Amino acid sequence: MGKRKKLYPKAEDGLDSLKQEVAEELNLDDDIEKRGWENMTTREVGKIGGNMVKKMIKFAEKEMDERDGKIDEED
């Protein structure tokens, strides 16, 4: 991932897996393998990032639903 400070370092592997999963769903995994991440277009990388955010929001909504809307039960 980027060079930003990691709030939850243990989540880095999960985010990398999610990024790869989304790339596969968008049929961009072959392009990434051939060209590498550094040669992907802004549009392609943006599609991956946008779909990652959608999946993370869906996950968070499900968790909040299961916790009756409470978000600070676990830290």
N, C-alpha and C. Protein backbone atom coordinates (compact mmCIF):
# COMPACT_ATOMS: atom_id res chain seq x y z
N MET A 1 0.84 -1.17 0.00
CA MET A 1 0.00 0.00 0.00
C MET A 1 0.89 1.24 0.00
N GLY A 2 0.30 2.42 0.20
CA GLY A 2 1.03 3.67 0.14
C GLY A 2 1.99 3.86 1.30
N LYS A 3 2.54 5.05 1.40
CA LYS A 3 3.51 5.34 2.44
C LYS A 3 2.88 6.08 3.62
N ARG A 4 1.58 5.96 3.76
CA ARG A 4 0.92 6.61 4.89
C ARG A 4 1.14 5.79 6.16
N LYS A 5 0.99 6.45 7.31
CA LYS A 5 1.13 5.76 8.58
C LYS A 5 -0.05 4.81 8.77
N LYS A 6 0.23 3.60 9.14
CA LYS A 6 -0.81 2.59 9.31
C LYS A 6 -1.44 2.72 10.70
N LEU A 7 -2.75 2.91 10.76
CA LEU A 7 -3.45 2.95 12.03
C LEU A 7 -3.55 1.56 12.63
N TYR A 8 -3.76 0.58 11.77
CA TYR A 8 -3.91 -0.81 12.19
C TYR A 8 -3.02 -1.67 11.30
N PRO A 9 -1.74 -1.80 11.64
CA PRO A 9 -0.80 -2.53 10.78
C PRO A 9 -1.24 -3.95 10.44
N LYS A 10 -1.95 -4.60 11.34
CA LYS A 10 -2.40 -5.97 11.07
C LYS A 10 -3.41 -6.03 9.93
N ALA A 11 -4.05 -4.92 9.63
CA ALA A 11 -5.07 -4.88 8.57
C ALA A 11 -4.44 -4.78 7.19
N GLU A 12 -3.15 -4.49 7.09
CA GLU A 12 -2.51 -4.28 5.80
C GLU A 12 -2.66 -5.49 4.88
N ASP A 13 -2.44 -6.68 5.39
CA ASP A 13 -2.59 -7.89 4.56
C ASP A 13 -4.03 -8.04 4.08
N GLY A 14 -4.99 -7.75 4.94
CA GLY A 14 -6.38 -7.84 4.55
C GLY A 14 -6.74 -6.84 3.46
N LEU A 15 -6.21 -5.64 3.56
CA LEU A 15 -6.46 -4.64 2.53
C LEU A 15 -5.81 -5.02 1.21
N ASP A 16 -4.62 -5.59 1.28
CA ASP A 16 -3.97 -6.06 0.05
C ASP A 16 -4.78 -7.19 -0.59
N SER A 17 -5.31 -8.08 0.23
CA SER A 17 -6.15 -9.17 -0.30
C SER A 17 -7.42 -8.62 -0.92
N LEU A 18 -8.03 -7.63 -0.26
CA LEU A 18 -9.23 -7.01 -0.79
C LEU A 18 -8.94 -6.33 -2.12
N LYS A 19 -7.81 -5.64 -2.20
CA LYS A 19 -7.42 -4.97 -3.44
C LYS A 19 -7.29 -5.98 -4.58
N GLN A 20 -6.66 -7.11 -4.30
CA GLN A 20 -6.49 -8.14 -5.32
C GLN A 20 -7.84 -8.76 -5.70
N GLU A 21 -8.68 -9.00 -4.71
CA GLU A 21 -10.02 -9.56 -4.95
C GLU A 21 -10.83 -8.65 -5.87
N VAL A 22 -10.81 -7.36 -5.57
CA VAL A 22 -11.56 -6.40 -6.39
C VAL A 22 -10.98 -6.33 -7.80
N ALA A 23 -9.67 -6.34 -7.91
CA ALA A 23 -9.02 -6.31 -9.23
C ALA A 23 -9.46 -7.51 -10.06
N GLU A 24 -9.55 -8.68 -9.42
CA GLU A 24 -10.02 -9.87 -10.13
C GLU A 24 -11.46 -9.73 -10.57
N GLU A 25 -12.31 -9.20 -9.69
CA GLU A 25 -13.73 -9.00 -10.03
C GLU A 25 -13.89 -8.05 -11.21
N LEU A 26 -12.99 -7.10 -11.34
CA LEU A 26 -13.05 -6.13 -12.43
C LEU A 26 -12.25 -6.58 -13.65
N ASN A 27 -11.76 -7.81 -13.60
CA ASN A 27 -10.94 -8.38 -14.69
C ASN A 27 -9.70 -7.55 -14.99
N LEU A 28 -9.11 -6.97 -13.95
CA LEU A 28 -7.89 -6.19 -14.12
C LEU A 28 -6.66 -6.93 -13.62
N ASP A 29 -6.86 -8.11 -13.04
CA ASP A 29 -5.73 -8.84 -12.45
C ASP A 29 -4.68 -9.23 -13.49
N ASP A 30 -5.10 -9.61 -14.68
CA ASP A 30 -4.14 -9.96 -15.73
C ASP A 30 -3.32 -8.74 -16.15
N ASP A 31 -3.99 -7.59 -16.26
CA ASP A 31 -3.29 -6.36 -16.61
C ASP A 31 -2.26 -5.99 -15.55
N ILE A 32 -2.63 -6.15 -14.29
CA ILE A 32 -1.71 -5.84 -13.19
C ILE A 32 -0.51 -6.77 -13.25
N GLU A 33 -0.77 -8.04 -13.51
CA GLU A 33 0.32 -9.01 -13.59
C GLU A 33 1.28 -8.67 -14.73
N LYS A 34 0.73 -8.26 -15.87
CA LYS A 34 1.56 -7.95 -17.04
C LYS A 34 2.30 -6.62 -16.89
N ARG A 35 1.57 -5.57 -16.45
CA ARG A 35 2.13 -4.22 -16.44
C ARG A 35 2.65 -3.78 -15.08
N GLY A 36 2.15 -4.38 -14.02
CA GLY A 36 2.51 -3.96 -12.67
C GLY A 36 1.64 -2.80 -12.21
N TRP A 37 1.50 -2.66 -10.90
CA TRP A 37 0.66 -1.61 -10.34
C TRP A 37 1.10 -0.23 -10.78
N GLU A 38 2.42 -0.04 -10.89
CA GLU A 38 2.93 1.30 -11.22
C GLU A 38 2.57 1.75 -12.63
N ASN A 39 2.17 0.83 -13.49
CA ASN A 39 1.82 1.18 -14.87
C ASN A 39 0.32 1.12 -15.15
N MET A 40 -0.47 0.99 -14.11
CA MET A 40 -1.92 1.01 -14.27
C MET A 40 -2.36 2.46 -14.41
N THR A 41 -3.45 2.68 -15.14
CA THR A 41 -3.94 4.03 -15.32
C THR A 41 -4.65 4.50 -14.04
N THR A 42 -4.77 5.80 -13.92
CA THR A 42 -5.48 6.38 -12.78
C THR A 42 -6.92 5.88 -12.75
N ARG A 43 -7.51 5.76 -13.91
CA ARG A 43 -8.90 5.28 -14.01
C ARG A 43 -9.02 3.85 -13.47
N GLU A 44 -8.08 2.97 -13.87
CA GLU A 44 -8.11 1.58 -13.42
C GLU A 44 -7.92 1.47 -11.91
N VAL A 45 -6.92 2.17 -11.40
CA VAL A 45 -6.65 2.12 -9.96
C VAL A 45 -7.81 2.76 -9.19
N GLY A 46 -8.40 3.81 -9.74
CA GLY A 46 -9.56 4.45 -9.11
C GLY A 46 -10.76 3.53 -9.04
N LYS A 47 -10.96 2.74 -10.08
CA LYS A 47 -12.05 1.76 -10.07
C LYS A 47 -11.85 0.75 -8.95
N ILE A 48 -10.62 0.29 -8.82
CA ILE A 48 -10.32 -0.68 -7.77
C ILE A 48 -10.55 -0.05 -6.40
N GLY A 49 -10.01 1.14 -6.18
CA GLY A 49 -10.17 1.82 -4.90
C GLY A 49 -11.63 2.11 -4.58
N GLY A 50 -12.38 2.56 -5.56
CA GLY A 50 -13.80 2.85 -5.35
C GLY A 50 -14.59 1.62 -4.96
N ASN A 51 -14.29 0.51 -5.61
CA ASN A 51 -14.99 -0.74 -5.28
C ASN A 51 -14.55 -1.29 -3.94
N MET A 52 -13.31 -1.05 -3.56
CA MET A 52 -12.86 -1.43 -2.22
C MET A 52 -13.65 -0.67 -1.17
N VAL A 53 -13.83 0.63 -1.38
CA VAL A 53 -14.58 1.45 -0.43
C VAL A 53 -16.02 0.96 -0.32
N LYS A 54 -16.64 0.63 -1.45
CA LYS A 54 -18.01 0.11 -1.41
C LYS A 54 -18.09 -1.16 -0.57
N LYS A 55 -17.14 -2.06 -0.75
CA LYS A 55 -17.13 -3.30 0.02
C LYS A 55 -16.90 -3.04 1.50
N MET A 56 -16.00 -2.10 1.83
CA MET A 56 -15.73 -1.79 3.23
C MET A 56 -16.94 -1.14 3.89
N ILE A 57 -17.66 -0.29 3.16
CA ILE A 57 -18.87 0.32 3.71
C ILE A 57 -19.93 -0.75 3.96
N LYS A 58 -20.09 -1.67 3.03
CA LYS A 58 -21.06 -2.76 3.20
C LYS A 58 -20.70 -3.59 4.43
N PHE A 59 -19.41 -3.88 4.60
CA PHE A 59 -18.95 -4.63 5.76
C PHE A 59 -19.25 -3.87 7.05
N ALA A 60 -18.94 -2.57 7.07
CA ALA A 60 -19.18 -1.76 8.26
C ALA A 60 -20.68 -1.68 8.59
N GLU A 61 -21.51 -1.52 7.57
CA GLU A 61 -22.96 -1.47 7.80
C GLU A 61 -23.46 -2.77 8.40
N LYS A 62 -22.96 -3.88 7.91
CA LYS A 62 -23.36 -5.19 8.44
C LYS A 62 -22.93 -5.32 9.90
N GLU A 63 -21.70 -4.92 10.20
CA GLU A 63 -21.21 -4.98 11.58
C GLU A 63 -22.04 -4.09 12.50
N MET A 64 -22.36 -2.88 12.03
CA MET A 64 -23.16 -1.98 12.84
C MET A 64 -24.55 -2.54 13.08
N ASP A 65 -25.12 -3.19 12.07
CA ASP A 65 -26.43 -3.80 12.21
C ASP A 65 -26.39 -4.90 13.27
N GLU A 66 -25.33 -5.70 13.23
CA GLU A 66 -25.20 -6.80 14.19
C GLU A 66 -24.95 -6.29 15.60
N ARG A 67 -24.42 -5.07 15.73
CA ARG A 67 -24.13 -4.48 17.04
C ARG A 67 -25.17 -3.45 17.45
N ASP A 68 -26.33 -3.50 16.82
CA ASP A 68 -27.42 -2.56 17.12
C ASP A 68 -26.98 -1.10 16.97
N GLY A 69 -26.18 -0.83 15.94
CA GLY A 69 -25.76 0.54 15.65
C GLY A 69 -24.58 1.04 16.45
N LYS A 70 -24.06 0.23 17.35
CA LYS A 70 -22.94 0.66 18.18
C LYS A 70 -21.64 0.35 17.43
N ILE A 71 -20.74 1.33 17.43
CA ILE A 71 -19.50 1.10 16.70
C ILE A 71 -18.28 1.00 17.60
N ASP A 72 -18.43 1.27 18.89
CA ASP A 72 -17.24 1.28 19.74
C ASP A 72 -17.22 0.14 20.75
N GLU A 73 -17.81 -0.98 20.41
CA GLU A 73 -17.78 -2.14 21.32
C GLU A 73 -16.39 -2.74 21.38
N GLU A 74 -15.67 -2.71 20.26
CA GLU A 74 -14.32 -3.26 20.21
C GLU A 74 -13.39 -2.20 19.69
N ASP A 75 -12.23 -2.07 20.27
CA ASP A 75 -11.21 -1.15 19.76
C ASP A 75 -9.89 -1.86 19.66
